[in-house]
Amino acid sequence: MATDPIAARPALPLAPARPVRWYNLLAYGSNDVLGAGSMAVISTWILIFYTSFCGLSAAQA
């Protein structure tokens, strides 16, 4: 049984691995903070709406 040398090669050449730098970590982290901040604002406004206009307590909302 012969092996096919063309099938053994990867389809695309692999790029060399690069280290993750501190500014990359800062950029990824700031994106997560911005997403979480917007969800906190939306949750606060929904809570105010449920308690003020729908008559629910904070525990029920």
PDB file of N, CA and C in Angstrom:
ATOM      1  N   MET A   1       0.844  -1.169   0.000  1.00  0.00           N
ATOM      2  CA  MET A   1       0.000   0.000   0.000  1.00  0.00           C
ATOM      3  C   MET A   1       0.894   1.238   0.000  1.00  0.00           C
ATOM      4  N   ALA A   2       0.792   2.033  -1.029  1.00  0.00           N
ATOM      5  CA  ALA A   2       1.621   3.229  -1.158  1.00  0.00           C
ATOM      6  C   ALA A   2       0.867   4.435  -0.612  1.00  0.00           C
ATOM      7  N   THR A   3       1.611   5.352  -0.030  1.00  0.00           N
ATOM      8  CA  THR A   3       0.991   6.589   0.455  1.00  0.00           C
ATOM      9  C   THR A   3       1.089   7.653  -0.621  1.00  0.00           C
ATOM     10  N   ASP A   4       0.079   8.472  -0.696  1.00  0.00           N
ATOM     11  CA  ASP A   4       0.029   9.535  -1.691  1.00  0.00           C
ATOM     12  C   ASP A   4       0.684  10.787  -1.101  1.00  0.00           C
ATOM     13  N   PRO A   5       1.806  11.289  -1.640  1.00  0.00           N
ATOM     14  CA  PRO A   5       2.471  12.451  -1.045  1.00  0.00           C
ATOM     15  C   PRO A   5       1.662  13.738  -1.187  1.00  0.00           C
ATOM     16  N   ILE A   6       0.809  13.831  -2.188  1.00  0.00           N
ATOM     17  CA  ILE A   6      -0.002  15.037  -2.360  1.00  0.00           C
ATOM     18  C   ILE A   6      -1.094  15.100  -1.295  1.00  0.00           C
ATOM     19  N   ALA A   7      -1.688  13.973  -0.957  1.00  0.00           N
ATOM     20  CA  ALA A   7      -2.746  13.947   0.051  1.00  0.00           C
ATOM     21  C   ALA A   7      -2.190  14.207   1.445  1.00  0.00           C
ATOM     22  N   ALA A   8      -0.912  13.947   1.670  1.00  0.00           N
ATOM     23  CA  ALA A   8      -0.323  14.129   2.989  1.00  0.00           C
ATOM     24  C   ALA A   8      -0.013  15.596   3.283  1.00  0.00           C
ATOM     25  N   ARG A   9       0.077  16.447   2.266  1.00  0.00           N
ATOM     26  CA  ARG A   9       0.377  17.859   2.467  1.00  0.00           C
ATOM     27  C   ARG A   9      -0.873  18.618   2.894  1.00  0.00           C
ATOM     28  N   PRO A  10      -0.721  19.681   3.715  1.00  0.00           N
ATOM     29  CA  PRO A  10      -1.897  20.492   4.071  1.00  0.00           C
ATOM     30  C   PRO A  10      -2.406  21.264   2.857  1.00  0.00           C
ATOM     31  N   ALA A  11      -3.688  21.596   2.871  1.00  0.00           N
ATOM     32  CA  ALA A  11      -4.310  22.288   1.743  1.00  0.00           C
ATOM     33  C   ALA A  11      -3.742  23.697   1.575  1.00  0.00           C
ATOM     34  N   LEU A  12      -3.520  24.402   2.685  1.00  0.00           N
ATOM     35  CA  LEU A  12      -2.969  25.749   2.641  1.00  0.00           C
ATOM     36  C   LEU A  12      -1.676  25.777   3.436  1.00  0.00           C
ATOM     37  N   PRO A  13      -0.722  26.580   3.048  1.00  0.00           N
ATOM     38  CA  PRO A  13       0.500  26.673   3.851  1.00  0.00           C
ATOM     39  C   PRO A  13       0.183  27.313   5.198  1.00  0.00           C
ATOM     40  N   LEU A  14       0.790  26.801   6.241  1.00  0.00           N
ATOM     41  CA  LEU A  14       0.538  27.295   7.586  1.00  0.00           C
ATOM     42  C   LEU A  14       1.411  28.508   7.870  1.00  0.00           C
ATOM     43  N   ALA A  15       0.827  29.531   8.474  1.00  0.00           N
ATOM     44  CA  ALA A  15       1.576  30.725   8.845  1.00  0.00           C
ATOM     45  C   ALA A  15       2.320  30.455  10.150  1.00  0.00           C
ATOM     46  N   PRO A  16       3.474  31.048  10.331  1.00  0.00           N
ATOM     47  CA  PRO A  16       4.192  30.849  11.589  1.00  0.00           C
ATOM     48  C   PRO A  16       3.417  31.471  12.748  1.00  0.00           C
ATOM     49  N   ALA A  17       3.508  30.852  13.904  1.00  0.00           N
ATOM     50  CA  ALA A  17       2.787  31.332  15.088  1.00  0.00           C
ATOM     51  C   ALA A  17       3.411  32.637  15.572  1.00  0.00           C
ATOM     52  N   ARG A  18       2.560  33.598  15.920  1.00  0.00           N
ATOM     53  CA  ARG A  18       3.035  34.879  16.436  1.00  0.00           C
ATOM     54  C   ARG A  18       2.606  35.008  17.885  1.00  0.00           C
ATOM     55  N   PRO A  19       3.418  35.652  18.717  1.00  0.00           N
ATOM     56  CA  PRO A  19       3.015  35.837  20.115  1.00  0.00           C
ATOM     57  C   PRO A  19       1.911  36.892  20.228  1.00  0.00           C
ATOM     58  N   VAL A  20       1.076  36.743  21.232  1.00  0.00           N
ATOM     59  CA  VAL A  20       0.023  37.727  21.497  1.00  0.00           C
ATOM     60  C   VAL A  20       0.641  38.845  22.323  1.00  0.00           C
ATOM     61  N   ARG A  21       0.569  40.048  21.836  1.00  0.00           N
ATOM     62  CA  ARG A  21       1.200  41.194  22.495  1.00  0.00           C
ATOM     63  C   ARG A  21       0.224  41.842  23.477  1.00  0.00           C
ATOM     64  N   TRP A  22       0.764  42.733  24.341  1.00  0.00           N
ATOM     65  CA  TRP A  22      -0.044  43.337  25.395  1.00  0.00           C
ATOM     66  C   TRP A  22      -1.136  44.218  24.804  1.00  0.00           C
ATOM     67  N   TYR A  23      -0.863  44.895  23.691  1.00  0.00           N
ATOM     68  CA  TYR A  23      -1.891  45.767  23.118  1.00  0.00           C
ATOM     69  C   TYR A  23      -3.003  44.961  22.456  1.00  0.00           C
ATOM     70  N   ASN A  24      -2.697  43.731  22.013  1.00  0.00           N
ATOM     71  CA  ASN A  24      -3.763  42.863  21.515  1.00  0.00           C
ATOM     72  C   ASN A  24      -4.679  42.442  22.662  1.00  0.00           C
ATOM     73  N   LEU A  25      -4.083  42.097  23.799  1.00  0.00           N
ATOM     74  CA  LEU A  25      -4.886  41.720  24.963  1.00  0.00           C
ATOM     75  C   LEU A  25      -5.746  42.892  25.432  1.00  0.00           C
ATOM     76  N   LEU A  26      -5.192  44.092  25.413  1.00  0.00           N
ATOM     77  CA  LEU A  26      -5.942  45.278  25.817  1.00  0.00           C
ATOM     78  C   LEU A  26      -7.114  45.535  24.868  1.00  0.00           C
ATOM     79  N   ALA A  27      -6.889  45.360  23.590  1.00  0.00           N
ATOM     80  CA  ALA A  27      -7.957  45.572  22.610  1.00  0.00           C
ATOM     81  C   ALA A  27      -9.070  44.541  22.767  1.00  0.00           C
ATOM     82  N   TYR A  28      -8.722  43.282  22.947  1.00  0.00           N
ATOM     83  CA  TYR A  28      -9.737  42.245  23.130  1.00  0.00           C
ATOM     84  C   TYR A  28     -10.514  42.476  24.425  1.00  0.00           C
ATOM     85  N   GLY A  29      -9.825  42.861  25.484  1.00  0.00           N
ATOM     86  CA  GLY A  29     -10.483  43.103  26.763  1.00  0.00           C
ATOM     87  C   GLY A  29     -11.402  44.308  26.729  1.00  0.00           C
ATOM     88  N   SER A  30     -11.000  45.377  26.035  1.00  0.00           N
ATOM     89  CA  SER A  30     -11.851  46.563  25.970  1.00  0.00           C
ATOM     90  C   SER A  30     -13.125  46.278  25.181  1.00  0.00           C
ATOM     91  N   ASN A  31     -13.048  45.427  24.204  1.00  0.00           N
ATOM     92  CA  ASN A  31     -14.240  45.043  23.456  1.00  0.00           C
ATOM     93  C   ASN A  31     -15.224  44.327  24.376  1.00  0.00           C
ATOM     94  N   ASP A  32     -14.728  43.483  25.256  1.00  0.00           N
ATOM     95  CA  ASP A  32     -15.602  42.770  26.177  1.00  0.00           C
ATOM     96  C   ASP A  32     -16.211  43.727  27.198  1.00  0.00           C
ATOM     97  N   VAL A  33     -15.446  44.695  27.660  1.00  0.00           N
ATOM     98  CA  VAL A  33     -15.961  45.666  28.627  1.00  0.00           C
ATOM     99  C   VAL A  33     -17.069  46.505  27.992  1.00  0.00           C
ATOM    100  N   LEU A  34     -16.878  46.925  26.759  1.00  0.00           N
ATOM    101  CA  LEU A  34     -17.905  47.729  26.095  1.00  0.00           C
ATOM    102  C   LEU A  34     -19.192  46.934  25.897  1.00  0.00           C
ATOM    103  N   GLY A  35     -19.084  45.669  25.575  1.00  0.00           N
ATOM    104  CA  GLY A  35     -20.268  44.840  25.412  1.00  0.00           C
ATOM    105  C   GLY A  35     -21.002  44.638  26.726  1.00  0.00           C
ATOM    106  N   ALA A  36     -20.251  44.408  27.794  1.00  0.00           N
ATOM    107  CA  ALA A  36     -20.866  44.209  29.104  1.00  0.00           C
ATOM    108  C   ALA A  36     -21.475  45.507  29.622  1.00  0.00           C
ATOM    109  N   GLY A  37     -20.861  46.637  29.320  1.00  0.00           N
ATOM    110  CA  GLY A  37     -21.392  47.927  29.764  1.00  0.00           C
ATOM    111  C   GLY A  37     -22.724  48.247  29.119  1.00  0.00           C
ATOM    112  N   SER A  38     -22.852  47.953  27.842  1.00  0.00           N
ATOM    113  CA  SER A  38     -24.125  48.223  27.174  1.00  0.00           C
ATOM    114  C   SER A  38     -25.223  47.313  27.709  1.00  0.00           C
ATOM    115  N   MET A  39     -24.892  46.085  28.023  1.00  0.00           N
ATOM    116  CA  MET A  39     -25.893  45.180  28.593  1.00  0.00           C
ATOM    117  C   MET A  39     -26.319  45.639  29.986  1.00  0.00           C
ATOM    118  N   ALA A  40     -25.402  46.219  30.761  1.00  0.00           N
ATOM    119  CA  ALA A  40     -25.756  46.731  32.083  1.00  0.00           C
ATOM    120  C   ALA A  40     -26.723  47.907  31.966  1.00  0.00           C
ATOM    121  N   VAL A  41     -26.498  48.786  31.007  1.00  0.00           N
ATOM    122  CA  VAL A  41     -27.392  49.934  30.807  1.00  0.00           C
ATOM    123  C   VAL A  41     -28.773  49.462  30.368  1.00  0.00           C
ATOM    124  N   ILE A  42     -28.826  48.531  29.444  1.00  0.00           N
ATOM    125  CA  ILE A  42     -30.111  48.010  28.968  1.00  0.00           C
ATOM    126  C   ILE A  42     -30.853  47.306  30.097  1.00  0.00           C
ATOM    127  N   SER A  43     -30.148  46.526  30.894  1.00  0.00           N
ATOM    128  CA  SER A  43     -30.785  45.823  32.011  1.00  0.00           C
ATOM    129  C   SER A  43     -31.335  46.799  33.036  1.00  0.00           C
ATOM    130  N   THR A  44     -30.616  47.885  33.290  1.00  0.00           N
ATOM    131  CA  THR A  44     -31.095  48.884  34.246  1.00  0.00           C
ATOM    132  C   THR A  44     -32.369  49.553  33.742  1.00  0.00           C
ATOM    133  N   TRP A  45     -32.412  49.917  32.474  1.00  0.00           N
ATOM    134  CA  TRP A  45     -33.606  50.553  31.925  1.00  0.00           C
ATOM    135  C   TRP A  45     -34.792  49.594  31.900  1.00  0.00           C
ATOM    136  N   ILE A  46     -34.556  48.338  31.614  1.00  0.00           N
ATOM    137  CA  ILE A  46     -35.639  47.339  31.644  1.00  0.00           C
ATOM    138  C   ILE A  46     -36.173  47.185  33.066  1.00  0.00           C
ATOM    139  N   LEU A  47     -35.268  47.175  34.054  1.00  0.00           N
ATOM    140  CA  LEU A  47     -35.694  47.055  35.448  1.00  0.00           C
ATOM    141  C   LEU A  47     -36.533  48.259  35.859  1.00  0.00           C
ATOM    142  N   ILE A  48     -36.114  49.452  35.472  1.00  0.00           N
ATOM    143  CA  ILE A  48     -36.894  50.657  35.787  1.00  0.00           C
ATOM    144  C   ILE A  48     -38.268  50.601  35.112  1.00  0.00           C
ATOM    145  N   PHE A  49     -38.324  50.149  33.878  1.00  0.00           N
ATOM    146  CA  PHE A  49     -39.595  50.037  33.168  1.00  0.00           C
ATOM    147  C   PHE A  49     -40.521  49.044  33.859  1.00  0.00           C
ATOM    148  N   TYR A  50     -39.998  47.865  34.203  1.00  0.00           N
ATOM    149  CA  TYR A  50     -40.835  46.848  34.846  1.00  0.00           C
ATOM    150  C   TYR A  50     -41.348  47.310  36.203  1.00  0.00           C
ATOM    151  N   THR A  51     -40.507  47.986  36.981  1.00  0.00           N
ATOM    152  CA  THR A  51     -40.941  48.401  38.318  1.00  0.00           C
ATOM    153  C   THR A  51     -41.846  49.631  38.273  1.00  0.00           C
ATOM    154  N   SER A  52     -41.610  50.558  37.357  1.00  0.00           N
ATOM    155  CA  SER A  52     -42.402  51.797  37.320  1.00  0.00           C
ATOM    156  C   SER A  52     -43.718  51.637  36.569  1.00  0.00           C
ATOM    157  N   PHE A  53     -43.688  51.036  35.403  1.00  0.00           N
ATOM    158  CA  PHE A  53     -44.865  51.009  34.547  1.00  0.00           C
ATOM    159  C   PHE A  53     -45.655  49.710  34.625  1.00  0.00           C
ATOM    160  N   CYS A  54     -45.004  48.609  34.909  1.00  0.00           N
ATOM    161  CA  CYS A  54     -45.709  47.323  34.965  1.00  0.00           C
ATOM    162  C   CYS A  54     -46.126  46.947  36.375  1.00  0.00           C
ATOM    163  N   GLY A  55     -45.626  47.655  37.382  1.00  0.00           N
ATOM    164  CA  GLY A  55     -46.034  47.407  38.752  1.00  0.00           C
ATOM    165  C   GLY A  55     -45.392  46.187  39.395  1.00  0.00           C
ATOM    166  N   LEU A  56     -44.308  45.683  38.845  1.00  0.00           N
ATOM    167  CA  LEU A  56     -43.627  44.533  39.436  1.00  0.00           C
ATOM    168  C   LEU A  56     -42.628  44.997  40.479  1.00  0.00           C
ATOM    169  N   SER A  57     -42.360  44.119  41.435  1.00  0.00           N
ATOM    170  CA  SER A  57     -41.286  44.427  42.379  1.00  0.00           C
ATOM    171  C   SER A  57     -39.951  44.127  41.704  1.00  0.00           C
ATOM    172  N   ALA A  58     -38.868  44.578  42.324  1.00  0.00           N
ATOM    173  CA  ALA A  58     -37.543  44.349  41.736  1.00  0.00           C
ATOM    174  C   ALA A  58     -37.207  42.865  41.701  1.00  0.00           C
ATOM    175  N   ALA A  59     -37.687  42.107  42.679  1.00  0.00           N
ATOM    176  CA  ALA A  59     -37.428  40.665  42.698  1.00  0.00           C
ATOM    177  C   ALA A  59     -38.189  39.950  41.579  1.00  0.00           C
ATOM    178  N   GLN A  60     -39.401  40.406  41.281  1.00  0.00           N
ATOM    179  CA  GLN A  60     -40.183  39.790  40.214  1.00  0.00           C
ATOM    180  C   GLN A  60     -39.656  40.164  38.829  1.00  0.00           C
ATOM    181  N   ALA A  61     -39.149  41.364  38.708  1.00  0.00           N
ATOM    182  CA  ALA A  61     -38.648  41.824  37.416  1.00  0.00           C
ATOM    183  C   ALA A  61     -37.364  41.108  37.100  1.00  0.00           C
TER     184      ALA A  61
END
